[in-house]
Amino acid sequence: AKKLITKEQIAEKIGELGDTTFEL
């Protein structure tokens, strides 16, 4: 990676479940 990627950023991306019946 060219810049630091935090676990919080990763978790936020995975948590974006959109218009589904699931939440993280």
PDBML (XML) file of the C-alpha atoms, coordinates in Angstrom:
<?xml version="1.0" encoding="UTF-8" ?>
<PDBx:datablock datablockName="MODEL"
   xmlns:PDBx="http://pdbml.pdb.org/schema/pdbx-v50.xsd"
   xmlns:xsi="http://www.w3.org/2001/XMLSchema-instance"
   xsi:schemaLocation="http://pdbml.pdb.org/schema/pdbx-v50.xsd pdbx-v50.xsd">
   <PDBx:atom_siteCategory>
      <PDBx:atom_site id="1">
         <PDBx:B_iso_or_equiv>0.00</PDBx:B_iso_or_equiv>
         <PDBx:Cartn_x>0.000</PDBx:Cartn_x>
         <PDBx:Cartn_y>0.000</PDBx:Cartn_y>
         <PDBx:Cartn_z>0.000</PDBx:Cartn_z>
         <PDBx:auth_asym_id>A</PDBx:auth_asym_id>
         <PDBx:auth_atom_id>CA</PDBx:auth_atom_id>
         <PDBx:auth_comp_id>ALA</PDBx:auth_comp_id>
         <PDBx:auth_seq_id>1</PDBx:auth_seq_id>
         <PDBx:group_PDB>ATOM</PDBx:group_PDB>
         <PDBx:label_alt_id xsi:nil="true" />
         <PDBx:label_asym_id>A</PDBx:label_asym_id>
         <PDBx:label_atom_id>CA</PDBx:label_atom_id>
         <PDBx:label_comp_id>ALA</PDBx:label_comp_id>
         <PDBx:label_entity_id>1</PDBx:label_entity_id>
         <PDBx:label_seq_id>1</PDBx:label_seq_id>
         <PDBx:occupancy>1.00</PDBx:occupancy>
         <PDBx:pdbx_PDB_model_num>1</PDBx:pdbx_PDB_model_num>
         <PDBx:type_symbol>C</PDBx:type_symbol>
      </PDBx:atom_site>
      <PDBx:atom_site id="2">
         <PDBx:B_iso_or_equiv>0.00</PDBx:B_iso_or_equiv>
         <PDBx:Cartn_x>1.213</PDBx:Cartn_x>
         <PDBx:Cartn_y>3.521</PDBx:Cartn_y>
         <PDBx:Cartn_z>-0.754</PDBx:Cartn_z>
         <PDBx:auth_asym_id>A</PDBx:auth_asym_id>
         <PDBx:auth_atom_id>CA</PDBx:auth_atom_id>
         <PDBx:auth_comp_id>LYS</PDBx:auth_comp_id>
         <PDBx:auth_seq_id>2</PDBx:auth_seq_id>
         <PDBx:group_PDB>ATOM</PDBx:group_PDB>
         <PDBx:label_alt_id xsi:nil="true" />
         <PDBx:label_asym_id>A</PDBx:label_asym_id>
         <PDBx:label_atom_id>CA</PDBx:label_atom_id>
         <PDBx:label_comp_id>LYS</PDBx:label_comp_id>
         <PDBx:label_entity_id>1</PDBx:label_entity_id>
         <PDBx:label_seq_id>2</PDBx:label_seq_id>
         <PDBx:occupancy>1.00</PDBx:occupancy>
         <PDBx:pdbx_PDB_model_num>1</PDBx:pdbx_PDB_model_num>
         <PDBx:type_symbol>C</PDBx:type_symbol>
      </PDBx:atom_site>
      <PDBx:atom_site id="3">
         <PDBx:B_iso_or_equiv>0.00</PDBx:B_iso_or_equiv>
         <PDBx:Cartn_x>-0.384</PDBx:Cartn_x>
         <PDBx:Cartn_y>4.823</PDBx:Cartn_y>
         <PDBx:Cartn_z>2.424</PDBx:Cartn_z>
         <PDBx:auth_asym_id>A</PDBx:auth_asym_id>
         <PDBx:auth_atom_id>CA</PDBx:auth_atom_id>
         <PDBx:auth_comp_id>LYS</PDBx:auth_comp_id>
         <PDBx:auth_seq_id>3</PDBx:auth_seq_id>
         <PDBx:group_PDB>ATOM</PDBx:group_PDB>
         <PDBx:label_alt_id xsi:nil="true" />
         <PDBx:label_asym_id>A</PDBx:label_asym_id>
         <PDBx:label_atom_id>CA</PDBx:label_atom_id>
         <PDBx:label_comp_id>LYS</PDBx:label_comp_id>
         <PDBx:label_entity_id>1</PDBx:label_entity_id>
         <PDBx:label_seq_id>3</PDBx:label_seq_id>
         <PDBx:occupancy>1.00</PDBx:occupancy>
         <PDBx:pdbx_PDB_model_num>1</PDBx:pdbx_PDB_model_num>
         <PDBx:type_symbol>C</PDBx:type_symbol>
      </PDBx:atom_site>
      <PDBx:atom_site id="4">
         <PDBx:B_iso_or_equiv>0.00</PDBx:B_iso_or_equiv>
         <PDBx:Cartn_x>-1.440</PDBx:Cartn_x>
         <PDBx:Cartn_y>3.296</PDBx:Cartn_y>
         <PDBx:Cartn_z>5.728</PDBx:Cartn_z>
         <PDBx:auth_asym_id>A</PDBx:auth_asym_id>
         <PDBx:auth_atom_id>CA</PDBx:auth_atom_id>
         <PDBx:auth_comp_id>LEU</PDBx:auth_comp_id>
         <PDBx:auth_seq_id>4</PDBx:auth_seq_id>
         <PDBx:group_PDB>ATOM</PDBx:group_PDB>
         <PDBx:label_alt_id xsi:nil="true" />
         <PDBx:label_asym_id>A</PDBx:label_asym_id>
         <PDBx:label_atom_id>CA</PDBx:label_atom_id>
         <PDBx:label_comp_id>LEU</PDBx:label_comp_id>
         <PDBx:label_entity_id>1</PDBx:label_entity_id>
         <PDBx:label_seq_id>4</PDBx:label_seq_id>
         <PDBx:occupancy>1.00</PDBx:occupancy>
         <PDBx:pdbx_PDB_model_num>1</PDBx:pdbx_PDB_model_num>
         <PDBx:type_symbol>C</PDBx:type_symbol>
      </PDBx:atom_site>
      <PDBx:atom_site id="5">
         <PDBx:B_iso_or_equiv>0.00</PDBx:B_iso_or_equiv>
         <PDBx:Cartn_x>-4.671</PDBx:Cartn_x>
         <PDBx:Cartn_y>1.316</PDBx:Cartn_y>
         <PDBx:Cartn_z>5.718</PDBx:Cartn_z>
         <PDBx:auth_asym_id>A</PDBx:auth_asym_id>
         <PDBx:auth_atom_id>CA</PDBx:auth_atom_id>
         <PDBx:auth_comp_id>ILE</PDBx:auth_comp_id>
         <PDBx:auth_seq_id>5</PDBx:auth_seq_id>
         <PDBx:group_PDB>ATOM</PDBx:group_PDB>
         <PDBx:label_alt_id xsi:nil="true" />
         <PDBx:label_asym_id>A</PDBx:label_asym_id>
         <PDBx:label_atom_id>CA</PDBx:label_atom_id>
         <PDBx:label_comp_id>ILE</PDBx:label_comp_id>
         <PDBx:label_entity_id>1</PDBx:label_entity_id>
         <PDBx:label_seq_id>5</PDBx:label_seq_id>
         <PDBx:occupancy>1.00</PDBx:occupancy>
         <PDBx:pdbx_PDB_model_num>1</PDBx:pdbx_PDB_model_num>
         <PDBx:type_symbol>C</PDBx:type_symbol>
      </PDBx:atom_site>
      <PDBx:atom_site id="6">
         <PDBx:B_iso_or_equiv>0.00</PDBx:B_iso_or_equiv>
         <PDBx:Cartn_x>-6.126</PDBx:Cartn_x>
         <PDBx:Cartn_y>0.853</PDBx:Cartn_y>
         <PDBx:Cartn_z>9.185</PDBx:Cartn_z>
         <PDBx:auth_asym_id>A</PDBx:auth_asym_id>
         <PDBx:auth_atom_id>CA</PDBx:auth_atom_id>
         <PDBx:auth_comp_id>THR</PDBx:auth_comp_id>
         <PDBx:auth_seq_id>6</PDBx:auth_seq_id>
         <PDBx:group_PDB>ATOM</PDBx:group_PDB>
         <PDBx:label_alt_id xsi:nil="true" />
         <PDBx:label_asym_id>A</PDBx:label_asym_id>
         <PDBx:label_atom_id>CA</PDBx:label_atom_id>
         <PDBx:label_comp_id>THR</PDBx:label_comp_id>
         <PDBx:label_entity_id>1</PDBx:label_entity_id>
         <PDBx:label_seq_id>6</PDBx:label_seq_id>
         <PDBx:occupancy>1.00</PDBx:occupancy>
         <PDBx:pdbx_PDB_model_num>1</PDBx:pdbx_PDB_model_num>
         <PDBx:type_symbol>C</PDBx:type_symbol>
      </PDBx:atom_site>
      <PDBx:atom_site id="7">
         <PDBx:B_iso_or_equiv>0.00</PDBx:B_iso_or_equiv>
         <PDBx:Cartn_x>-8.254</PDBx:Cartn_x>
         <PDBx:Cartn_y>-2.050</PDBx:Cartn_y>
         <PDBx:Cartn_z>10.375</PDBx:Cartn_z>
         <PDBx:auth_asym_id>A</PDBx:auth_asym_id>
         <PDBx:auth_atom_id>CA</PDBx:auth_atom_id>
         <PDBx:auth_comp_id>LYS</PDBx:auth_comp_id>
         <PDBx:auth_seq_id>7</PDBx:auth_seq_id>
         <PDBx:group_PDB>ATOM</PDBx:group_PDB>
         <PDBx:label_alt_id xsi:nil="true" />
         <PDBx:label_asym_id>A</PDBx:label_asym_id>
         <PDBx:label_atom_id>CA</PDBx:label_atom_id>
         <PDBx:label_comp_id>LYS</PDBx:label_comp_id>
         <PDBx:label_entity_id>1</PDBx:label_entity_id>
         <PDBx:label_seq_id>7</PDBx:label_seq_id>
         <PDBx:occupancy>1.00</PDBx:occupancy>
         <PDBx:pdbx_PDB_model_num>1</PDBx:pdbx_PDB_model_num>
         <PDBx:type_symbol>C</PDBx:type_symbol>
      </PDBx:atom_site>
      <PDBx:atom_site id="8">
         <PDBx:B_iso_or_equiv>0.00</PDBx:B_iso_or_equiv>
         <PDBx:Cartn_x>-10.959</PDBx:Cartn_x>
         <PDBx:Cartn_y>0.493</PDBx:Cartn_y>
         <PDBx:Cartn_z>11.213</PDBx:Cartn_z>
         <PDBx:auth_asym_id>A</PDBx:auth_asym_id>
         <PDBx:auth_atom_id>CA</PDBx:auth_atom_id>
         <PDBx:auth_comp_id>GLU</PDBx:auth_comp_id>
         <PDBx:auth_seq_id>8</PDBx:auth_seq_id>
         <PDBx:group_PDB>ATOM</PDBx:group_PDB>
         <PDBx:label_alt_id xsi:nil="true" />
         <PDBx:label_asym_id>A</PDBx:label_asym_id>
         <PDBx:label_atom_id>CA</PDBx:label_atom_id>
         <PDBx:label_comp_id>GLU</PDBx:label_comp_id>
         <PDBx:label_entity_id>1</PDBx:label_entity_id>
         <PDBx:label_seq_id>8</PDBx:label_seq_id>
         <PDBx:occupancy>1.00</PDBx:occupancy>
         <PDBx:pdbx_PDB_model_num>1</PDBx:pdbx_PDB_model_num>
         <PDBx:type_symbol>C</PDBx:type_symbol>
      </PDBx:atom_site>
      <PDBx:atom_site id="9">
         <PDBx:B_iso_or_equiv>0.00</PDBx:B_iso_or_equiv>
         <PDBx:Cartn_x>-11.071</PDBx:Cartn_x>
         <PDBx:Cartn_y>1.532</PDBx:Cartn_y>
         <PDBx:Cartn_z>7.533</PDBx:Cartn_z>
         <PDBx:auth_asym_id>A</PDBx:auth_asym_id>
         <PDBx:auth_atom_id>CA</PDBx:auth_atom_id>
         <PDBx:auth_comp_id>GLN</PDBx:auth_comp_id>
         <PDBx:auth_seq_id>9</PDBx:auth_seq_id>
         <PDBx:group_PDB>ATOM</PDBx:group_PDB>
         <PDBx:label_alt_id xsi:nil="true" />
         <PDBx:label_asym_id>A</PDBx:label_asym_id>
         <PDBx:label_atom_id>CA</PDBx:label_atom_id>
         <PDBx:label_comp_id>GLN</PDBx:label_comp_id>
         <PDBx:label_entity_id>1</PDBx:label_entity_id>
         <PDBx:label_seq_id>9</PDBx:label_seq_id>
         <PDBx:occupancy>1.00</PDBx:occupancy>
         <PDBx:pdbx_PDB_model_num>1</PDBx:pdbx_PDB_model_num>
         <PDBx:type_symbol>C</PDBx:type_symbol>
      </PDBx:atom_site>
      <PDBx:atom_site id="10">
         <PDBx:B_iso_or_equiv>0.00</PDBx:B_iso_or_equiv>
         <PDBx:Cartn_x>-11.272</PDBx:Cartn_x>
         <PDBx:Cartn_y>-2.104</PDBx:Cartn_y>
         <PDBx:Cartn_z>6.461</PDBx:Cartn_z>
         <PDBx:auth_asym_id>A</PDBx:auth_asym_id>
         <PDBx:auth_atom_id>CA</PDBx:auth_atom_id>
         <PDBx:auth_comp_id>ILE</PDBx:auth_comp_id>
         <PDBx:auth_seq_id>10</PDBx:auth_seq_id>
         <PDBx:group_PDB>ATOM</PDBx:group_PDB>
         <PDBx:label_alt_id xsi:nil="true" />
         <PDBx:label_asym_id>A</PDBx:label_asym_id>
         <PDBx:label_atom_id>CA</PDBx:label_atom_id>
         <PDBx:label_comp_id>ILE</PDBx:label_comp_id>
         <PDBx:label_entity_id>1</PDBx:label_entity_id>
         <PDBx:label_seq_id>10</PDBx:label_seq_id>
         <PDBx:occupancy>1.00</PDBx:occupancy>
         <PDBx:pdbx_PDB_model_num>1</PDBx:pdbx_PDB_model_num>
         <PDBx:type_symbol>C</PDBx:type_symbol>
      </PDBx:atom_site>
      <PDBx:atom_site id="11">
         <PDBx:B_iso_or_equiv>0.00</PDBx:B_iso_or_equiv>
         <PDBx:Cartn_x>-14.073</PDBx:Cartn_x>
         <PDBx:Cartn_y>-2.832</PDBx:Cartn_y>
         <PDBx:Cartn_z>8.963</PDBx:Cartn_z>
         <PDBx:auth_asym_id>A</PDBx:auth_asym_id>
         <PDBx:auth_atom_id>CA</PDBx:auth_atom_id>
         <PDBx:auth_comp_id>ALA</PDBx:auth_comp_id>
         <PDBx:auth_seq_id>11</PDBx:auth_seq_id>
         <PDBx:group_PDB>ATOM</PDBx:group_PDB>
         <PDBx:label_alt_id xsi:nil="true" />
         <PDBx:label_asym_id>A</PDBx:label_asym_id>
         <PDBx:label_atom_id>CA</PDBx:label_atom_id>
         <PDBx:label_comp_id>ALA</PDBx:label_comp_id>
         <PDBx:label_entity_id>1</PDBx:label_entity_id>
         <PDBx:label_seq_id>11</PDBx:label_seq_id>
         <PDBx:occupancy>1.00</PDBx:occupancy>
         <PDBx:pdbx_PDB_model_num>1</PDBx:pdbx_PDB_model_num>
         <PDBx:type_symbol>C</PDBx:type_symbol>
      </PDBx:atom_site>
      <PDBx:atom_site id="12">
         <PDBx:B_iso_or_equiv>0.00</PDBx:B_iso_or_equiv>
         <PDBx:Cartn_x>-16.003</PDBx:Cartn_x>
         <PDBx:Cartn_y>0.194</PDBx:Cartn_y>
         <PDBx:Cartn_z>7.722</PDBx:Cartn_z>
         <PDBx:auth_asym_id>A</PDBx:auth_asym_id>
         <PDBx:auth_atom_id>CA</PDBx:auth_atom_id>
         <PDBx:auth_comp_id>GLU</PDBx:auth_comp_id>
         <PDBx:auth_seq_id>12</PDBx:auth_seq_id>
         <PDBx:group_PDB>ATOM</PDBx:group_PDB>
         <PDBx:label_alt_id xsi:nil="true" />
         <PDBx:label_asym_id>A</PDBx:label_asym_id>
         <PDBx:label_atom_id>CA</PDBx:label_atom_id>
         <PDBx:label_comp_id>GLU</PDBx:label_comp_id>
         <PDBx:label_entity_id>1</PDBx:label_entity_id>
         <PDBx:label_seq_id>12</PDBx:label_seq_id>
         <PDBx:occupancy>1.00</PDBx:occupancy>
         <PDBx:pdbx_PDB_model_num>1</PDBx:pdbx_PDB_model_num>
         <PDBx:type_symbol>C</PDBx:type_symbol>
      </PDBx:atom_site>
      <PDBx:atom_site id="13">
         <PDBx:B_iso_or_equiv>0.00</PDBx:B_iso_or_equiv>
         <PDBx:Cartn_x>-15.810</PDBx:Cartn_x>
         <PDBx:Cartn_y>-1.023</PDBx:Cartn_y>
         <PDBx:Cartn_z>4.135</PDBx:Cartn_z>
         <PDBx:auth_asym_id>A</PDBx:auth_asym_id>
         <PDBx:auth_atom_id>CA</PDBx:auth_atom_id>
         <PDBx:auth_comp_id>LYS</PDBx:auth_comp_id>
         <PDBx:auth_seq_id>13</PDBx:auth_seq_id>
         <PDBx:group_PDB>ATOM</PDBx:group_PDB>
         <PDBx:label_alt_id xsi:nil="true" />
         <PDBx:label_asym_id>A</PDBx:label_asym_id>
         <PDBx:label_atom_id>CA</PDBx:label_atom_id>
         <PDBx:label_comp_id>LYS</PDBx:label_comp_id>
         <PDBx:label_entity_id>1</PDBx:label_entity_id>
         <PDBx:label_seq_id>13</PDBx:label_seq_id>
         <PDBx:occupancy>1.00</PDBx:occupancy>
         <PDBx:pdbx_PDB_model_num>1</PDBx:pdbx_PDB_model_num>
         <PDBx:type_symbol>C</PDBx:type_symbol>
      </PDBx:atom_site>
      <PDBx:atom_site id="14">
         <PDBx:B_iso_or_equiv>0.00</PDBx:B_iso_or_equiv>
         <PDBx:Cartn_x>-16.942</PDBx:Cartn_x>
         <PDBx:Cartn_y>-4.526</PDBx:Cartn_y>
         <PDBx:Cartn_z>5.045</PDBx:Cartn_z>
         <PDBx:auth_asym_id>A</PDBx:auth_asym_id>
         <PDBx:auth_atom_id>CA</PDBx:auth_atom_id>
         <PDBx:auth_comp_id>ILE</PDBx:auth_comp_id>
         <PDBx:auth_seq_id>14</PDBx:auth_seq_id>
         <PDBx:group_PDB>ATOM</PDBx:group_PDB>
         <PDBx:label_alt_id xsi:nil="true" />
         <PDBx:label_asym_id>A</PDBx:label_asym_id>
         <PDBx:label_atom_id>CA</PDBx:label_atom_id>
         <PDBx:label_comp_id>ILE</PDBx:label_comp_id>
         <PDBx:label_entity_id>1</PDBx:label_entity_id>
         <PDBx:label_seq_id>14</PDBx:label_seq_id>
         <PDBx:occupancy>1.00</PDBx:occupancy>
         <PDBx:pdbx_PDB_model_num>1</PDBx:pdbx_PDB_model_num>
         <PDBx:type_symbol>C</PDBx:type_symbol>
      </PDBx:atom_site>
      <PDBx:atom_site id="15">
         <PDBx:B_iso_or_equiv>0.00</PDBx:B_iso_or_equiv>
         <PDBx:Cartn_x>-19.770</PDBx:Cartn_x>
         <PDBx:Cartn_y>-3.093</PDBx:Cartn_y>
         <PDBx:Cartn_z>7.142</PDBx:Cartn_z>
         <PDBx:auth_asym_id>A</PDBx:auth_asym_id>
         <PDBx:auth_atom_id>CA</PDBx:auth_atom_id>
         <PDBx:auth_comp_id>GLY</PDBx:auth_comp_id>
         <PDBx:auth_seq_id>15</PDBx:auth_seq_id>
         <PDBx:group_PDB>ATOM</PDBx:group_PDB>
         <PDBx:label_alt_id xsi:nil="true" />
         <PDBx:label_asym_id>A</PDBx:label_asym_id>
         <PDBx:label_atom_id>CA</PDBx:label_atom_id>
         <PDBx:label_comp_id>GLY</PDBx:label_comp_id>
         <PDBx:label_entity_id>1</PDBx:label_entity_id>
         <PDBx:label_seq_id>15</PDBx:label_seq_id>
         <PDBx:occupancy>1.00</PDBx:occupancy>
         <PDBx:pdbx_PDB_model_num>1</PDBx:pdbx_PDB_model_num>
         <PDBx:type_symbol>C</PDBx:type_symbol>
      </PDBx:atom_site>
      <PDBx:atom_site id="16">
         <PDBx:B_iso_or_equiv>0.00</PDBx:B_iso_or_equiv>
         <PDBx:Cartn_x>-21.235</PDBx:Cartn_x>
         <PDBx:Cartn_y>-1.269</PDBx:Cartn_y>
         <PDBx:Cartn_z>4.153</PDBx:Cartn_z>
         <PDBx:auth_asym_id>A</PDBx:auth_asym_id>
         <PDBx:auth_atom_id>CA</PDBx:auth_atom_id>
         <PDBx:auth_comp_id>GLU</PDBx:auth_comp_id>
         <PDBx:auth_seq_id>16</PDBx:auth_seq_id>
         <PDBx:group_PDB>ATOM</PDBx:group_PDB>
         <PDBx:label_alt_id xsi:nil="true" />
         <PDBx:label_asym_id>A</PDBx:label_asym_id>
         <PDBx:label_atom_id>CA</PDBx:label_atom_id>
         <PDBx:label_comp_id>GLU</PDBx:label_comp_id>
         <PDBx:label_entity_id>1</PDBx:label_entity_id>
         <PDBx:label_seq_id>16</PDBx:label_seq_id>
         <PDBx:occupancy>1.00</PDBx:occupancy>
         <PDBx:pdbx_PDB_model_num>1</PDBx:pdbx_PDB_model_num>
         <PDBx:type_symbol>C</PDBx:type_symbol>
      </PDBx:atom_site>
      <PDBx:atom_site id="17">
         <PDBx:B_iso_or_equiv>0.00</PDBx:B_iso_or_equiv>
         <PDBx:Cartn_x>-23.768</PDBx:Cartn_x>
         <PDBx:Cartn_y>-4.004</PDBx:Cartn_y>
         <PDBx:Cartn_z>3.360</PDBx:Cartn_z>
         <PDBx:auth_asym_id>A</PDBx:auth_asym_id>
         <PDBx:auth_atom_id>CA</PDBx:auth_atom_id>
         <PDBx:auth_comp_id>LEU</PDBx:auth_comp_id>
         <PDBx:auth_seq_id>17</PDBx:auth_seq_id>
         <PDBx:group_PDB>ATOM</PDBx:group_PDB>
         <PDBx:label_alt_id xsi:nil="true" />
         <PDBx:label_asym_id>A</PDBx:label_asym_id>
         <PDBx:label_atom_id>CA</PDBx:label_atom_id>
         <PDBx:label_comp_id>LEU</PDBx:label_comp_id>
         <PDBx:label_entity_id>1</PDBx:label_entity_id>
         <PDBx:label_seq_id>17</PDBx:label_seq_id>
         <PDBx:occupancy>1.00</PDBx:occupancy>
         <PDBx:pdbx_PDB_model_num>1</PDBx:pdbx_PDB_model_num>
         <PDBx:type_symbol>C</PDBx:type_symbol>
      </PDBx:atom_site>
      <PDBx:atom_site id="18">
         <PDBx:B_iso_or_equiv>0.00</PDBx:B_iso_or_equiv>
         <PDBx:Cartn_x>-26.088</PDBx:Cartn_x>
         <PDBx:Cartn_y>-1.729</PDBx:Cartn_y>
         <PDBx:Cartn_z>1.432</PDBx:Cartn_z>
         <PDBx:auth_asym_id>A</PDBx:auth_asym_id>
         <PDBx:auth_atom_id>CA</PDBx:auth_atom_id>
         <PDBx:auth_comp_id>GLY</PDBx:auth_comp_id>
         <PDBx:auth_seq_id>18</PDBx:auth_seq_id>
         <PDBx:group_PDB>ATOM</PDBx:group_PDB>
         <PDBx:label_alt_id xsi:nil="true" />
         <PDBx:label_asym_id>A</PDBx:label_asym_id>
         <PDBx:label_atom_id>CA</PDBx:label_atom_id>
         <PDBx:label_comp_id>GLY</PDBx:label_comp_id>
         <PDBx:label_entity_id>1</PDBx:label_entity_id>
         <PDBx:label_seq_id>18</PDBx:label_seq_id>
         <PDBx:occupancy>1.00</PDBx:occupancy>
         <PDBx:pdbx_PDB_model_num>1</PDBx:pdbx_PDB_model_num>
         <PDBx:type_symbol>C</PDBx:type_symbol>
      </PDBx:atom_site>
      <PDBx:atom_site id="19">
         <PDBx:B_iso_or_equiv>0.00</PDBx:B_iso_or_equiv>
         <PDBx:Cartn_x>-29.677</PDBx:Cartn_x>
         <PDBx:Cartn_y>-2.709</PDBx:Cartn_y>
         <PDBx:Cartn_z>0.748</PDBx:Cartn_z>
         <PDBx:auth_asym_id>A</PDBx:auth_asym_id>
         <PDBx:auth_atom_id>CA</PDBx:auth_atom_id>
         <PDBx:auth_comp_id>ASP</PDBx:auth_comp_id>
         <PDBx:auth_seq_id>19</PDBx:auth_seq_id>
         <PDBx:group_PDB>ATOM</PDBx:group_PDB>
         <PDBx:label_alt_id xsi:nil="true" />
         <PDBx:label_asym_id>A</PDBx:label_asym_id>
         <PDBx:label_atom_id>CA</PDBx:label_atom_id>
         <PDBx:label_comp_id>ASP</PDBx:label_comp_id>
         <PDBx:label_entity_id>1</PDBx:label_entity_id>
         <PDBx:label_seq_id>19</PDBx:label_seq_id>
         <PDBx:occupancy>1.00</PDBx:occupancy>
         <PDBx:pdbx_PDB_model_num>1</PDBx:pdbx_PDB_model_num>
         <PDBx:type_symbol>C</PDBx:type_symbol>
      </PDBx:atom_site>
      <PDBx:atom_site id="20">
         <PDBx:B_iso_or_equiv>0.00</PDBx:B_iso_or_equiv>
         <PDBx:Cartn_x>-29.473</PDBx:Cartn_x>
         <PDBx:Cartn_y>-6.204</PDBx:Cartn_y>
         <PDBx:Cartn_z>2.232</PDBx:Cartn_z>
         <PDBx:auth_asym_id>A</PDBx:auth_asym_id>
         <PDBx:auth_atom_id>CA</PDBx:auth_atom_id>
         <PDBx:auth_comp_id>THR</PDBx:auth_comp_id>
         <PDBx:auth_seq_id>20</PDBx:auth_seq_id>
         <PDBx:group_PDB>ATOM</PDBx:group_PDB>
         <PDBx:label_alt_id xsi:nil="true" />
         <PDBx:label_asym_id>A</PDBx:label_asym_id>
         <PDBx:label_atom_id>CA</PDBx:label_atom_id>
         <PDBx:label_comp_id>THR</PDBx:label_comp_id>
         <PDBx:label_entity_id>1</PDBx:label_entity_id>
         <PDBx:label_seq_id>20</PDBx:label_seq_id>
         <PDBx:occupancy>1.00</PDBx:occupancy>
         <PDBx:pdbx_PDB_model_num>1</PDBx:pdbx_PDB_model_num>
         <PDBx:type_symbol>C</PDBx:type_symbol>
      </PDBx:atom_site>
      <PDBx:atom_site id="21">
         <PDBx:B_iso_or_equiv>0.00</PDBx:B_iso_or_equiv>
         <PDBx:Cartn_x>-31.091</PDBx:Cartn_x>
         <PDBx:Cartn_y>-7.908</PDBx:Cartn_y>
         <PDBx:Cartn_z>5.195</PDBx:Cartn_z>
         <PDBx:auth_asym_id>A</PDBx:auth_asym_id>
         <PDBx:auth_atom_id>CA</PDBx:auth_atom_id>
         <PDBx:auth_comp_id>THR</PDBx:auth_comp_id>
         <PDBx:auth_seq_id>21</PDBx:auth_seq_id>
         <PDBx:group_PDB>ATOM</PDBx:group_PDB>
         <PDBx:label_alt_id xsi:nil="true" />
         <PDBx:label_asym_id>A</PDBx:label_asym_id>
         <PDBx:label_atom_id>CA</PDBx:label_atom_id>
         <PDBx:label_comp_id>THR</PDBx:label_comp_id>
         <PDBx:label_entity_id>1</PDBx:label_entity_id>
         <PDBx:label_seq_id>21</PDBx:label_seq_id>
         <PDBx:occupancy>1.00</PDBx:occupancy>
         <PDBx:pdbx_PDB_model_num>1</PDBx:pdbx_PDB_model_num>
         <PDBx:type_symbol>C</PDBx:type_symbol>
      </PDBx:atom_site>
      <PDBx:atom_site id="22">
         <PDBx:B_iso_or_equiv>0.00</PDBx:B_iso_or_equiv>
         <PDBx:Cartn_x>-27.731</PDBx:Cartn_x>
         <PDBx:Cartn_y>-8.146</PDBx:Cartn_y>
         <PDBx:Cartn_z>6.992</PDBx:Cartn_z>
         <PDBx:auth_asym_id>A</PDBx:auth_asym_id>
         <PDBx:auth_atom_id>CA</PDBx:auth_atom_id>
         <PDBx:auth_comp_id>PHE</PDBx:auth_comp_id>
         <PDBx:auth_seq_id>22</PDBx:auth_seq_id>
         <PDBx:group_PDB>ATOM</PDBx:group_PDB>
         <PDBx:label_alt_id xsi:nil="true" />
         <PDBx:label_asym_id>A</PDBx:label_asym_id>
         <PDBx:label_atom_id>CA</PDBx:label_atom_id>
         <PDBx:label_comp_id>PHE</PDBx:label_comp_id>
         <PDBx:label_entity_id>1</PDBx:label_entity_id>
         <PDBx:label_seq_id>22</PDBx:label_seq_id>
         <PDBx:occupancy>1.00</PDBx:occupancy>
         <PDBx:pdbx_PDB_model_num>1</PDBx:pdbx_PDB_model_num>
         <PDBx:type_symbol>C</PDBx:type_symbol>
      </PDBx:atom_site>
      <PDBx:atom_site id="23">
         <PDBx:B_iso_or_equiv>0.00</PDBx:B_iso_or_equiv>
         <PDBx:Cartn_x>-25.733</PDBx:Cartn_x>
         <PDBx:Cartn_y>-5.941</PDBx:Cartn_y>
         <PDBx:Cartn_z>9.309</PDBx:Cartn_z>
         <PDBx:auth_asym_id>A</PDBx:auth_asym_id>
         <PDBx:auth_atom_id>CA</PDBx:auth_atom_id>
         <PDBx:auth_comp_id>GLU</PDBx:auth_comp_id>
         <PDBx:auth_seq_id>23</PDBx:auth_seq_id>
         <PDBx:group_PDB>ATOM</PDBx:group_PDB>
         <PDBx:label_alt_id xsi:nil="true" />
         <PDBx:label_asym_id>A</PDBx:label_asym_id>
         <PDBx:label_atom_id>CA</PDBx:label_atom_id>
         <PDBx:label_comp_id>GLU</PDBx:label_comp_id>
         <PDBx:label_entity_id>1</PDBx:label_entity_id>
         <PDBx:label_seq_id>23</PDBx:label_seq_id>
         <PDBx:occupancy>1.00</PDBx:occupancy>
         <PDBx:pdbx_PDB_model_num>1</PDBx:pdbx_PDB_model_num>
         <PDBx:type_symbol>C</PDBx:type_symbol>
      </PDBx:atom_site>
      <PDBx:atom_site id="24">
         <PDBx:B_iso_or_equiv>0.00</PDBx:B_iso_or_equiv>
         <PDBx:Cartn_x>-22.178</PDBx:Cartn_x>
         <PDBx:Cartn_y>-6.488</PDBx:Cartn_y>
         <PDBx:Cartn_z>10.453</PDBx:Cartn_z>
         <PDBx:auth_asym_id>A</PDBx:auth_asym_id>
         <PDBx:auth_atom_id>CA</PDBx:auth_atom_id>
         <PDBx:auth_comp_id>LEU</PDBx:auth_comp_id>
         <PDBx:auth_seq_id>24</PDBx:auth_seq_id>
         <PDBx:group_PDB>ATOM</PDBx:group_PDB>
         <PDBx:label_alt_id xsi:nil="true" />
         <PDBx:label_asym_id>A</PDBx:label_asym_id>
         <PDBx:label_atom_id>CA</PDBx:label_atom_id>
         <PDBx:label_comp_id>LEU</PDBx:label_comp_id>
         <PDBx:label_entity_id>1</PDBx:label_entity_id>
         <PDBx:label_seq_id>24</PDBx:label_seq_id>
         <PDBx:occupancy>1.00</PDBx:occupancy>
         <PDBx:pdbx_PDB_model_num>1</PDBx:pdbx_PDB_model_num>
         <PDBx:type_symbol>C</PDBx:type_symbol>
      </PDBx:atom_site>
   </PDBx:atom_siteCategory>
</PDBx:datablock>
